């Protein structure tokens, strides 16, 4: 038992020094990797209709669940805009805001103020979250390849992950 104490102390210590990567608990539900993406239709913050099926089979898609109050979410979005701009012909980001109540009204001004150009929707009735992110984790992304297959689900964001995210997007575009 005495031999286990240093090991247990190390494990407990790691729990207190781990960086903040997510604003919500781990997500274990939703659409699974390897499965086909499920279509949805929703209106974006500019009043345009967004159909997932408009991109399925044509582009790689990153569905990004985020919120205005989530620091890792807003840090990641800067990079998602760069990836989107560089790959528009074969890639799209659909940013799904999980803001509600008081913060929902902040979504459009935030997006316009930052100059983001990818489609942004507010999932106020949780339809998209129920399909892909039922525990409402943020940030949380679902990467769908050009064939409509879910190739990755990822929770959290840490500075420095940009190269891996970019490589994952490039692989999904093939």
Protein backbone atom coordinates (compact mmCIF):
# COMPACT_ATOMS: atom_id res chain seq x y z
CA UNK A 1 0.00 0.00 0.00
CA UNK A 2 2.84 2.38 0.86
CA UNK A 3 4.30 1.86 -2.60
CA UNK A 4 1.04 3.01 -4.19
CA UNK A 5 0.84 6.32 -2.31
CA UNK A 6 3.35 8.22 -4.51
CA UNK A 7 1.57 6.98 -7.64
CA UNK A 8 -1.85 8.02 -6.35
CA UNK A 9 -0.49 11.41 -5.27
CA UNK A 10 0.90 11.96 -8.79
CA UNK A 11 -2.42 11.08 -10.40
CA UNK A 12 -4.37 13.39 -8.07
CA UNK A 13 -1.81 16.14 -8.64
CA UNK A 14 -2.26 15.94 -12.41
CA UNK A 15 -5.95 16.64 -12.00
CA UNK A 16 -5.10 20.02 -10.49
CA UNK A 17 -2.50 21.12 -13.05
CA UNK A 18 -4.23 20.03 -16.26
CA UNK A 19 -4.90 23.02 -18.57
CA UNK A 20 -8.42 24.24 -19.24
CA UNK A 21 -9.33 22.88 -22.64
CA UNK A 22 -13.10 22.76 -22.43
CA UNK A 23 -15.96 24.64 -20.85
CA UNK A 24 -18.08 21.54 -20.24
CA UNK A 25 -17.77 17.94 -19.06
CA UNK A 26 -16.57 15.22 -21.42
CA UNK A 27 -18.95 14.25 -24.20
CA UNK A 28 -19.61 10.60 -24.77
CA UNK A 29 -22.88 10.79 -26.71
CA UNK A 30 -23.93 11.79 -30.18
CA UNK A 31 -23.05 10.65 -33.67
CA UNK A 32 -20.23 8.13 -33.75
CA UNK A 33 -17.01 8.14 -35.73
CA UNK A 34 -17.26 6.01 -38.83
CA UNK A 35 -21.01 6.63 -39.22
CA UNK A 36 -22.73 8.70 -41.86
CA UNK A 37 -23.55 12.30 -41.00
CA UNK A 38 -27.21 13.10 -40.35
CA UNK A 39 -28.65 16.03 -42.30
CA UNK A 40 -30.10 19.11 -40.62
CA UNK A 41 -31.55 22.41 -41.79
CA UNK A 42 -31.32 25.62 -39.77
CA UNK A 43 -31.25 29.37 -40.39
CA UNK A 44 -27.94 31.16 -39.88
CA UNK A 45 -27.41 34.51 -38.16
CA UNK A 46 -27.87 36.30 -41.52
CA UNK A 47 -31.26 34.67 -42.17
CA UNK A 48 -29.92 32.22 -44.78
CA UNK A 49 -30.90 28.55 -44.76
CA UNK A 50 -28.06 26.15 -43.95
CA UNK A 51 -28.55 22.53 -45.00
CA UNK A 52 -25.81 20.08 -44.07
CA UNK A 53 -26.79 18.12 -47.20
CA UNK A 54 -25.67 21.07 -49.37
CA UNK A 55 -22.08 20.17 -48.41
CA UNK A 56 -22.25 16.39 -47.95
CA UNK A 57 -20.41 14.61 -50.74
CA UNK A 58 -18.90 17.88 -51.93
CA UNK A 59 -16.77 19.29 -49.10
CA UNK A 60 -15.18 18.28 -45.84
CA UNK A 61 -17.24 19.78 -43.01
CA UNK A 62 -16.30 20.83 -39.50
CA UNK A 63 -19.32 21.30 -37.25
CA UNK A 64 -17.97 23.40 -34.40
CA UNK A 65 -20.02 23.76 -31.20
CA UNK A 66 -19.06 26.91 -29.34
CA UNK A 67 -20.36 29.72 -27.12
CA UNK A 68 -19.51 33.38 -26.69
CA UNK A 69 -18.71 32.82 -22.99
CA UNK A 70 -16.31 29.92 -23.68
CA UNK A 71 -12.66 31.12 -23.84
CA UNK A 72 -11.25 27.96 -25.51
CA UNK A 73 -14.07 28.22 -28.08
CA UNK A 74 -13.32 31.79 -29.06
CA UNK A 75 -9.56 31.10 -29.15
CA UNK A 76 -10.09 28.20 -31.56
CA UNK A 77 -12.40 30.15 -33.89
CA UNK A 78 -9.59 32.48 -34.98
CA UNK A 79 -7.80 29.45 -36.46
CA UNK A 80 -10.97 27.94 -37.92
CA UNK A 81 -11.47 31.14 -39.91
CA UNK A 82 -7.94 30.88 -41.33
CA UNK A 83 -8.47 27.22 -42.27
CA UNK A 84 -11.82 28.05 -43.86
CA UNK A 85 -10.46 30.96 -45.90
CA UNK A 86 -7.56 28.87 -47.21
CA UNK A 87 -9.76 25.89 -48.20
CA UNK A 88 -13.18 27.32 -49.15
CA UNK A 89 -13.41 25.26 -52.32
CA UNK A 90 -13.22 21.95 -50.47
CA UNK A 91 -14.01 22.72 -46.84
CA UNK A 92 -16.65 24.46 -44.75
CA UNK A 93 -16.98 25.30 -41.07
CA UNK A 94 -20.49 25.38 -39.64
CA UNK A 95 -20.22 27.09 -36.28
CA UNK A 96 -23.09 26.04 -34.02
CA UNK A 97 -23.58 28.39 -31.10
CA UNK A 98 -24.89 26.78 -27.93
CA UNK A 99 -25.54 30.20 -26.40
CA UNK A 100 -29.00 30.69 -24.95
CA UNK A 101 -30.90 33.14 -22.82
CA UNK A 102 -28.97 36.34 -22.23
CA UNK A 103 -25.92 35.38 -24.30
CA UNK A 104 -27.79 34.34 -27.46
CA UNK A 105 -28.19 37.98 -28.50
CA UNK A 106 -24.39 38.40 -28.38
CA UNK A 107 -23.68 35.79 -31.08
CA UNK A 108 -24.26 37.86 -34.24
CA UNK A 109 -22.44 40.99 -32.97
CA UNK A 110 -19.51 38.86 -31.83
CA UNK A 111 -19.21 37.03 -35.19
CA UNK A 112 -19.59 40.21 -37.25
CA UNK A 113 -17.13 42.06 -35.00
CA UNK A 114 -14.49 39.38 -35.56
CA UNK A 115 -15.15 39.25 -39.31
CA UNK A 116 -15.81 35.51 -39.45
CA UNK A 117 -17.22 34.47 -42.81
CA UNK A 118 -18.20 30.82 -42.34
CA UNK A 119 -21.85 29.92 -41.62
CA UNK A 120 -22.85 30.52 -37.99
CA UNK A 121 -26.09 29.24 -36.53
CA UNK A 122 -27.68 29.44 -33.09
CA UNK A 123 -29.08 26.08 -32.05
CA UNK A 124 -31.67 27.48 -29.63
CA UNK A 125 -33.88 24.40 -29.79
CA UNK A 126 -30.89 22.01 -29.47
CA UNK A 127 -31.77 20.01 -32.60
CA UNK A 128 -28.18 19.91 -33.89
CA UNK A 129 -26.79 19.36 -30.42
CA UNK A 130 -29.12 16.40 -29.93
CA UNK A 131 -27.78 14.88 -33.17
CA UNK A 132 -24.06 15.50 -32.70
CA UNK A 133 -23.35 16.83 -29.20
CA UNK A 134 -26.13 15.78 -26.79
CA UNK A 135 -24.17 16.68 -23.64
CA UNK A 136 -23.61 20.20 -25.01
CA UNK A 137 -19.82 20.18 -24.69
CA UNK A 138 -17.91 23.27 -25.81
CA UNK A 139 -15.74 23.54 -27.71
CA UNK A 140 -16.68 20.37 -29.48
CA UNK A 141 -16.12 19.55 -33.12
CA UNK A 142 -17.31 16.91 -35.52
CA UNK A 143 -15.24 16.47 -38.67
CA UNK A 144 -17.02 14.94 -41.66
CA UNK A 145 -15.10 13.87 -44.76
CA UNK A 146 -16.09 14.53 -48.38
CA UNK A 147 -18.05 11.28 -48.49
CA UNK A 148 -20.25 12.28 -45.56
CA UNK A 149 -18.57 9.98 -43.03
CA UNK A 150 -17.83 11.22 -39.52
CA UNK A 151 -14.07 10.87 -39.19
CA UNK A 152 -13.47 12.63 -35.89
CA UNK A 153 -15.19 13.94 -32.77
CA UNK A 154 -13.08 16.15 -30.54
CA UNK A 155 -13.69 18.02 -27.34
CA UNK A 156 -11.62 20.94 -26.16
CA UNK A 157 -8.97 23.17 -27.64
CA UNK A 158 -5.43 23.98 -26.52
CA UNK A 159 -3.21 26.60 -28.09
CA UNK A 160 -0.72 24.79 -30.30
CA UNK A 161 -3.19 22.23 -31.67
CA UNK A 162 -3.63 24.18 -34.89
CA UNK A 163 -1.24 22.07 -36.97
CA UNK A 164 -3.01 18.85 -35.97
CA UNK A 165 -6.46 20.35 -36.65
CA UNK A 166 -5.22 21.56 -40.04
CA UNK A 167 -3.79 18.11 -40.87
CA UNK A 168 -7.08 16.46 -39.86
CA UNK A 169 -9.03 18.85 -42.11
CA UNK A 170 -6.68 18.20 -45.03
CA UNK A 171 -7.08 14.42 -44.59
CA UNK A 172 -10.89 14.78 -44.54
CA UNK A 173 -10.76 16.73 -47.81
CA UNK A 174 -9.13 13.82 -49.71
